[in-house]
Amino acid sequence: MAQDLRQNKPGLAITLKLMAVFLFMVMAALIKVASEHVPPGQAVFFRSFFALPVIMAWLWQRGQVREGLVPSNLMGHVWRGIFGTSAMGLTFAGLGLLPLPEVTAIGYATPMFAVLFAALFLGERVRIVRLSAVALGLVGVSIVIAPRLSVGSADLTTGATLGAIMVLVASILRAMVQIHVRRLVQTDTTAAIVFYFSMTASTLALLTLPLGWATGLAALEWTSPAMWVLAVLVLSGLIGGVAQIMVTASYRFGSASMLAPFDYASMIFASLIGYVAFGEVPTGAIVLGASLVIAGGVLIIWRERQLGLDRSKSKPNVPPSGTP
């Protein structure tokens, strides 16, 4: 079995993480462009299927093809795929209805829900610091989506309200993904987790092919888009695959607690890309709400780091079972 040679190179780790966050925002922008021409299920298929060649090349280069193809907890991967694919589809649908910075800000609710789900499903003790951080973050999310839910708002007729709700539900589903991944890493390698998510997402997305004619809903009907749209979709998959690998690689050179705050650089990238590509400018509500959510997220990260340090003092520093 291939072993990860973990090294302490914080500069390289941060660079890889920031590059991955930027690429994920580029991918989201590409999906936003394509969303005017294809349904969410079709976009999810291209995003997942065309990430597979990149992931397979990565596994081959690392000598982990067998580890990636032989899971220990197949049903765990299936459930992770169901939750993750549903979250991806809802996010892609939301991208077609909302500005990129707003989708990004609402998505920051994921770690808040993850803390709550960890207490409910994993039995983790959640004390006042993390509960306060969750409350702060949820207030921030409420500020972001409140204008979309106002009575008499034009958003109620343009679909923006539906978009905000879908992205919020997606953040809840991504929190469920995090809970499943915490369990999966105890039995399966990172290689298997990355590979099987792309496989299950591709398969589940392909199952949406007949939904359009079966339900009569045009919004779900797969299309035969122009070549440039197909190129955009394929590129989104390739970029997504590269970004996944960069995220994984970043954790070989730096700790999770050190790298976690750099996820919030996505708001900077989303604002820049949104302005340049779509003429989108974050509203005051988005800026204020995102600031509160980020503050809550950073507080959770800080508290998790403190708890991690306390645990490391009480037991040997042994990597989790299943970690490559």
Protein backbone atom coordinates (compact mmCIF):
# COMPACT_ATOMS: atom_id res chain seq x y z
CA MET A 1 0.00 0.00 0.00
CA ALA A 2 1.28 3.45 -0.93
CA GLN A 3 2.13 5.66 1.98
CA ASP A 4 1.69 9.44 2.20
CA LEU A 5 4.92 11.16 3.16
CA ARG A 6 3.55 14.02 5.22
CA GLN A 7 5.84 17.02 5.39
CA ASN A 8 5.59 20.30 7.20
CA LYS A 9 5.69 22.86 4.37
CA PRO A 10 3.10 25.48 5.33
CA GLY A 11 3.91 27.81 2.44
CA LEU A 12 3.32 25.09 -0.13
CA ALA A 13 0.23 23.85 1.72
CA ILE A 14 -1.37 27.31 1.75
CA THR A 15 -0.50 27.89 -1.90
CA LEU A 16 -2.12 24.61 -2.94
CA LYS A 17 -5.22 25.30 -0.84
CA LEU A 18 -5.68 28.82 -2.25
CA MET A 19 -5.20 27.55 -5.80
CA ALA A 20 -7.83 24.86 -5.15
CA VAL A 21 -10.30 27.39 -3.73
CA PHE A 22 -9.74 29.65 -6.74
CA LEU A 23 -10.25 26.77 -9.18
CA PHE A 24 -13.47 25.76 -7.44
CA MET A 25 -14.75 29.32 -7.92
CA VAL A 26 -13.74 29.21 -11.60
CA MET A 27 -15.61 25.92 -11.89
CA ALA A 28 -18.69 27.47 -10.26
CA ALA A 29 -18.55 30.37 -12.72
CA LEU A 30 -18.39 27.91 -15.64
CA ILE A 31 -21.41 26.04 -14.27
CA LYS A 32 -23.24 29.36 -13.88
CA VAL A 33 -22.64 30.08 -17.57
CA ALA A 34 -23.76 26.60 -18.59
CA SER A 35 -26.86 26.69 -16.33
CA GLU A 36 -28.63 28.87 -18.89
CA HIS A 37 -28.43 26.00 -21.39
CA VAL A 38 -28.54 22.71 -19.45
CA PRO A 39 -30.43 21.40 -16.38
CA PRO A 40 -28.63 20.84 -13.05
CA GLY A 41 -28.54 17.05 -13.46
CA GLN A 42 -26.73 17.31 -16.77
CA ALA A 43 -24.25 19.82 -15.32
CA VAL A 44 -23.56 17.50 -12.36
CA PHE A 45 -22.89 14.61 -14.76
CA PHE A 46 -20.30 16.54 -16.79
CA ARG A 47 -18.70 17.99 -13.65
CA SER A 48 -18.32 14.52 -12.10
CA PHE A 49 -17.64 12.31 -15.12
CA PHE A 50 -14.89 14.47 -16.60
CA ALA A 51 -13.17 14.74 -13.24
CA LEU A 52 -12.62 10.97 -13.33
CA PRO A 53 -9.72 10.95 -15.86
CA VAL A 54 -7.88 13.53 -13.75
CA ILE A 55 -8.49 11.55 -10.57
CA MET A 56 -7.45 8.24 -12.19
CA ALA A 57 -4.23 9.81 -13.47
CA TRP A 58 -3.55 11.11 -9.95
CA LEU A 59 -4.18 7.68 -8.39
CA TRP A 60 -1.94 5.99 -10.97
CA GLN A 61 0.86 8.50 -10.36
CA ARG A 62 0.62 7.82 -6.60
CA GLY A 63 0.38 4.06 -7.04
CA GLN A 64 -3.04 4.01 -5.37
CA VAL A 65 -5.28 2.75 -8.17
CA ARG A 66 -6.09 -0.47 -6.30
CA GLU A 67 -6.85 1.46 -3.10
CA GLY A 68 -9.12 3.78 -5.03
CA LEU A 69 -11.03 0.96 -6.72
CA VAL A 70 -11.51 -1.32 -3.71
CA PRO A 71 -13.69 0.29 -1.02
CA SER A 72 -14.13 -1.18 2.45
CA ASN A 73 -17.47 0.49 3.15
CA LEU A 74 -19.39 0.50 -0.13
CA MET A 75 -22.72 1.64 1.36
CA GLY A 76 -20.94 4.47 3.13
CA HIS A 77 -19.74 5.70 -0.28
CA VAL A 78 -23.27 5.34 -1.67
CA TRP A 79 -24.78 7.50 1.06
CA ARG A 80 -21.96 10.02 0.78
CA GLY A 81 -22.63 10.09 -2.97
CA ILE A 82 -26.38 10.61 -2.53
CA PHE A 83 -25.95 13.51 -0.14
CA GLY A 84 -23.04 15.03 -2.06
CA THR A 85 -24.67 14.72 -5.47
CA SER A 86 -27.92 16.22 -4.20
CA ALA A 87 -25.99 19.13 -2.70
CA MET A 88 -24.10 19.65 -5.95
CA GLY A 89 -27.30 19.63 -8.01
CA LEU A 90 -29.04 22.13 -5.73
CA THR A 91 -25.99 24.39 -5.74
CA PHE A 92 -25.76 24.28 -9.53
CA ALA A 93 -29.45 25.14 -9.77
CA GLY A 94 -28.91 28.02 -7.35
CA LEU A 95 -26.01 29.33 -9.42
CA GLY A 96 -28.41 29.88 -12.28
CA LEU A 97 -30.67 32.02 -10.09
CA LEU A 98 -28.33 33.93 -7.76
CA PRO A 99 -25.10 35.95 -7.94
CA LEU A 100 -21.93 33.93 -7.37
CA PRO A 101 -20.94 35.82 -4.15
CA GLU A 102 -24.38 35.18 -2.65
CA VAL A 103 -24.22 31.44 -3.37
CA THR A 104 -20.77 31.40 -1.78
CA ALA A 105 -21.93 33.27 1.34
CA ILE A 106 -24.92 30.98 1.93
CA GLY A 107 -22.66 27.96 1.46
CA TYR A 108 -20.63 29.07 4.47
CA ALA A 109 -23.45 27.71 6.63
CA THR A 110 -22.11 24.17 6.08
CA PRO A 111 -19.69 24.06 9.05
CA MET A 112 -22.43 25.44 11.32
CA PHE A 113 -24.76 22.59 10.46
CA ALA A 114 -21.85 20.13 10.63
CA VAL A 115 -21.29 21.02 14.29
CA LEU A 116 -24.96 20.39 15.06
CA PHE A 117 -25.02 17.10 13.14
CA ALA A 118 -21.81 15.93 14.83
CA ALA A 119 -23.57 16.36 18.17
CA LEU A 120 -26.73 14.58 16.95
CA PHE A 121 -25.22 11.68 15.00
CA LEU A 122 -21.67 11.26 16.32
CA GLY A 123 -22.36 12.06 19.95
CA GLU A 124 -19.80 14.87 20.06
CA ARG A 125 -20.08 17.25 23.01
CA VAL A 126 -20.79 20.80 21.88
CA ARG A 127 -20.07 23.43 24.50
CA ILE A 128 -20.84 27.12 24.70
CA VAL A 129 -18.01 28.33 22.41
CA ARG A 130 -19.05 26.24 19.43
CA LEU A 131 -22.76 26.81 20.07
CA SER A 132 -22.12 30.56 20.10
CA ALA A 133 -20.18 30.27 16.85
CA VAL A 134 -23.03 28.31 15.26
CA ALA A 135 -25.56 30.91 16.40
CA LEU A 136 -23.40 33.73 15.02
CA GLY A 137 -23.01 31.96 11.70
CA LEU A 138 -26.71 31.22 11.34
CA VAL A 139 -27.55 34.86 12.08
CA GLY A 140 -25.17 35.80 9.26
CA VAL A 141 -26.86 33.37 6.86
CA SER A 142 -30.25 34.77 7.86
CA ILE A 143 -29.06 38.26 6.98
CA VAL A 144 -27.91 37.07 3.55
CA ILE A 145 -31.15 35.32 2.62
CA ALA A 146 -33.61 37.66 4.40
CA PRO A 147 -33.99 40.02 1.40
CA ARG A 148 -34.93 37.03 -0.75
CA LEU A 149 -37.72 36.04 1.64
CA SER A 150 -39.28 39.48 2.16
CA VAL A 151 -43.00 39.67 1.48
CA GLY A 152 -43.65 41.61 -1.70
CA SER A 153 -40.08 41.16 -2.91
CA ALA A 154 -39.65 40.80 -6.66
CA ASP A 155 -37.38 37.84 -5.89
CA LEU A 156 -40.49 35.79 -5.09
CA THR A 157 -41.44 35.88 -8.76
CA THR A 158 -37.99 35.79 -10.38
CA GLY A 159 -36.87 32.51 -8.77
CA ALA A 160 -34.15 34.09 -6.62
CA THR A 161 -36.02 33.04 -3.47
CA LEU A 162 -36.11 29.45 -4.67
CA GLY A 163 -32.41 29.71 -5.49
CA ALA A 164 -31.58 30.89 -1.97
CA ILE A 165 -33.59 28.05 -0.43
CA MET A 166 -31.91 25.46 -2.68
CA VAL A 167 -28.41 26.68 -1.81
CA LEU A 168 -29.28 26.66 1.91
CA VAL A 169 -30.57 23.08 1.66
CA ALA A 170 -27.37 22.22 -0.24
CA SER A 171 -25.29 23.53 2.66
CA ILE A 172 -27.24 21.27 5.03
CA LEU A 173 -26.61 18.28 2.76
CA ARG A 174 -22.90 19.12 2.56
CA ALA A 175 -22.81 19.08 6.36
CA MET A 176 -24.25 15.55 6.20
CA VAL A 177 -21.48 14.71 3.73
CA GLN A 178 -18.89 15.85 6.26
CA ILE A 179 -20.40 13.55 8.87
CA HIS A 180 -20.26 10.59 6.48
CA VAL A 181 -16.68 11.40 5.50
CA ARG A 182 -15.67 11.43 9.16
CA ARG A 183 -16.94 7.87 9.34
CA LEU A 184 -15.50 6.80 5.99
CA VAL A 185 -11.95 7.87 6.85
CA GLN A 186 -12.00 5.27 9.63
CA THR A 187 -12.35 2.45 7.07
CA ASP A 188 -11.39 3.77 3.62
CA THR A 189 -8.49 5.67 2.10
CA THR A 190 -8.67 9.17 0.71
CA ALA A 191 -8.11 7.68 -2.74
CA ALA A 192 -11.27 5.57 -2.46
CA ILE A 193 -13.33 8.45 -1.07
CA VAL A 194 -12.33 10.79 -3.90
CA PHE A 195 -12.79 8.18 -6.66
CA TYR A 196 -16.11 6.77 -5.50
CA PHE A 197 -17.68 10.16 -5.02
CA SER A 198 -17.03 11.03 -8.65
CA MET A 199 -18.29 7.60 -9.71
CA THR A 200 -21.50 7.75 -7.67
CA ALA A 201 -22.13 11.37 -8.62
CA SER A 202 -21.76 10.55 -12.32
CA THR A 203 -24.10 7.57 -12.00
CA LEU A 204 -26.75 9.39 -9.97
CA ALA A 205 -26.63 12.40 -12.28
CA LEU A 206 -27.09 10.11 -15.30
CA LEU A 207 -30.26 8.79 -13.69
CA THR A 208 -31.80 12.26 -14.08
CA LEU A 209 -31.71 11.86 -17.88
CA PRO A 210 -35.34 10.61 -18.15
CA LEU A 211 -36.73 12.97 -15.49
CA GLY A 212 -37.60 15.69 -17.99
CA TRP A 213 -39.99 13.65 -20.12
CA ALA A 214 -41.19 11.58 -17.14
CA THR A 215 -42.28 14.65 -15.15
CA GLY A 216 -42.99 17.04 -17.99
CA LEU A 217 -40.75 19.66 -16.37
CA ALA A 218 -38.68 21.48 -18.98
CA ALA A 219 -36.23 22.62 -16.29
CA LEU A 220 -35.13 18.99 -15.79
CA GLU A 221 -34.95 17.97 -19.44
CA TRP A 222 -31.46 17.23 -20.75
CA THR A 223 -30.54 19.20 -23.87
CA SER A 224 -28.19 18.99 -26.84
CA PRO A 225 -26.25 22.21 -26.21
CA ALA A 226 -23.93 24.03 -28.57
CA MET A 227 -20.32 22.88 -28.78
CA TRP A 228 -19.07 25.82 -26.74
CA VAL A 229 -21.46 24.89 -23.90
CA LEU A 230 -20.22 21.29 -24.02
CA ALA A 231 -16.65 22.63 -23.85
CA VAL A 232 -17.57 24.70 -20.79
CA LEU A 233 -19.10 21.64 -19.09
CA VAL A 234 -16.12 19.41 -19.86
CA LEU A 235 -13.74 22.11 -18.63
CA SER A 236 -15.71 22.42 -15.39
CA GLY A 237 -15.18 18.70 -14.78
CA LEU A 238 -11.46 18.83 -15.52
CA ILE A 239 -10.97 21.90 -13.33
CA GLY A 240 -13.02 20.35 -10.55
CA GLY A 241 -10.87 17.22 -10.65
CA VAL A 242 -7.66 19.25 -10.47
CA ALA A 243 -9.06 21.31 -7.58
CA GLN A 244 -9.97 18.14 -5.65
CA ILE A 245 -6.43 16.85 -6.04
CA MET A 246 -4.93 20.18 -4.93
CA VAL A 247 -7.05 20.16 -1.79
CA THR A 248 -5.93 16.62 -1.00
CA ALA A 249 -2.30 17.47 -1.72
CA SER A 250 -2.41 20.57 0.51
CA TYR A 251 -3.10 18.39 3.56
CA ARG A 252 0.13 16.47 2.93
CA PHE A 253 2.10 19.63 3.72
CA GLY A 254 0.01 21.36 6.41
CA SER A 255 -2.50 20.60 9.15
CA ALA A 256 -6.25 20.84 8.62
CA SER A 257 -6.60 23.45 11.37
CA MET A 258 -4.01 25.68 9.70
CA LEU A 259 -5.57 25.39 6.23
CA ALA A 260 -9.27 25.60 7.14
CA PRO A 261 -9.49 29.42 7.37
CA PHE A 262 -8.28 29.74 3.78
CA ASP A 263 -11.59 28.29 2.58
CA TYR A 264 -13.03 31.75 3.21
CA ALA A 265 -10.81 33.21 0.50
CA SER A 266 -13.56 31.90 -1.77
CA MET A 267 -15.58 35.04 -1.02
CA ILE A 268 -12.78 37.22 -2.40
CA PHE A 269 -12.47 35.05 -5.50
CA ALA A 270 -16.24 34.84 -5.94
CA SER A 271 -16.58 38.62 -5.71
CA LEU A 272 -13.79 39.22 -8.23
CA ILE A 273 -15.02 36.59 -10.69
CA GLY A 274 -18.64 37.62 -10.21
CA TYR A 275 -17.81 41.26 -10.95
CA VAL A 276 -15.56 40.58 -13.95
CA ALA A 277 -17.60 37.82 -15.57
CA PHE A 278 -21.18 38.71 -14.64
CA GLY A 279 -21.13 42.32 -13.44
CA GLU A 280 -22.23 41.21 -9.96
CA VAL A 281 -21.51 43.41 -6.95
CA PRO A 282 -22.09 42.01 -3.41
CA THR A 283 -24.86 43.85 -1.55
CA GLY A 284 -24.46 45.23 1.94
CA ALA A 285 -26.51 42.34 3.32
CA ILE A 286 -24.21 39.80 1.66
CA VAL A 287 -21.08 41.51 2.99
CA LEU A 288 -22.45 41.82 6.54
CA GLY A 289 -23.93 38.34 6.61
CA ALA A 290 -20.83 36.73 5.12
CA SER A 291 -18.64 38.53 7.67
CA LEU A 292 -20.68 37.10 10.55
CA VAL A 293 -20.67 33.60 9.04
CA ILE A 294 -16.91 33.75 8.50
CA ALA A 295 -16.42 34.96 12.08
CA GLY A 296 -18.48 32.03 13.35
CA GLY A 297 -16.58 29.62 11.11
CA VAL A 298 -13.18 30.87 12.26
CA LEU A 299 -14.33 30.54 15.88
CA ILE A 300 -15.34 26.92 15.22
CA ILE A 301 -11.98 26.25 13.55
CA TRP A 302 -10.13 27.77 16.52
CA ARG A 303 -12.16 25.71 18.99
CA GLU A 304 -11.63 22.50 16.97
CA ARG A 305 -7.90 23.19 16.98
CA GLN A 306 -7.90 23.64 20.76
CA LEU A 307 -9.82 20.39 21.21
CA GLY A 308 -7.39 18.66 18.85
CA LEU A 309 -4.43 19.86 20.89
CA ASP A 310 -6.08 18.63 24.08
CA ARG A 311 -6.74 15.20 22.54
CA SER A 312 -3.16 14.92 21.27
CA LYS A 313 -1.86 15.48 24.80
CA SER A 314 -3.97 12.65 26.14
CA LYS A 315 -3.15 9.95 23.54
CA PRO A 316 -0.39 9.02 21.10
CA ASN A 317 -0.27 10.86 17.80
CA VAL A 318 -1.50 8.00 15.58
CA PRO A 319 -3.12 8.74 12.21
CA PRO A 320 -6.75 7.65 11.86
CA SER A 321 -7.39 4.20 10.53
CA GLY A 322 -7.80 4.27 6.78
CA THR A 323 -5.71 7.39 6.26
CA PRO A 324 -3.31 6.80 3.36
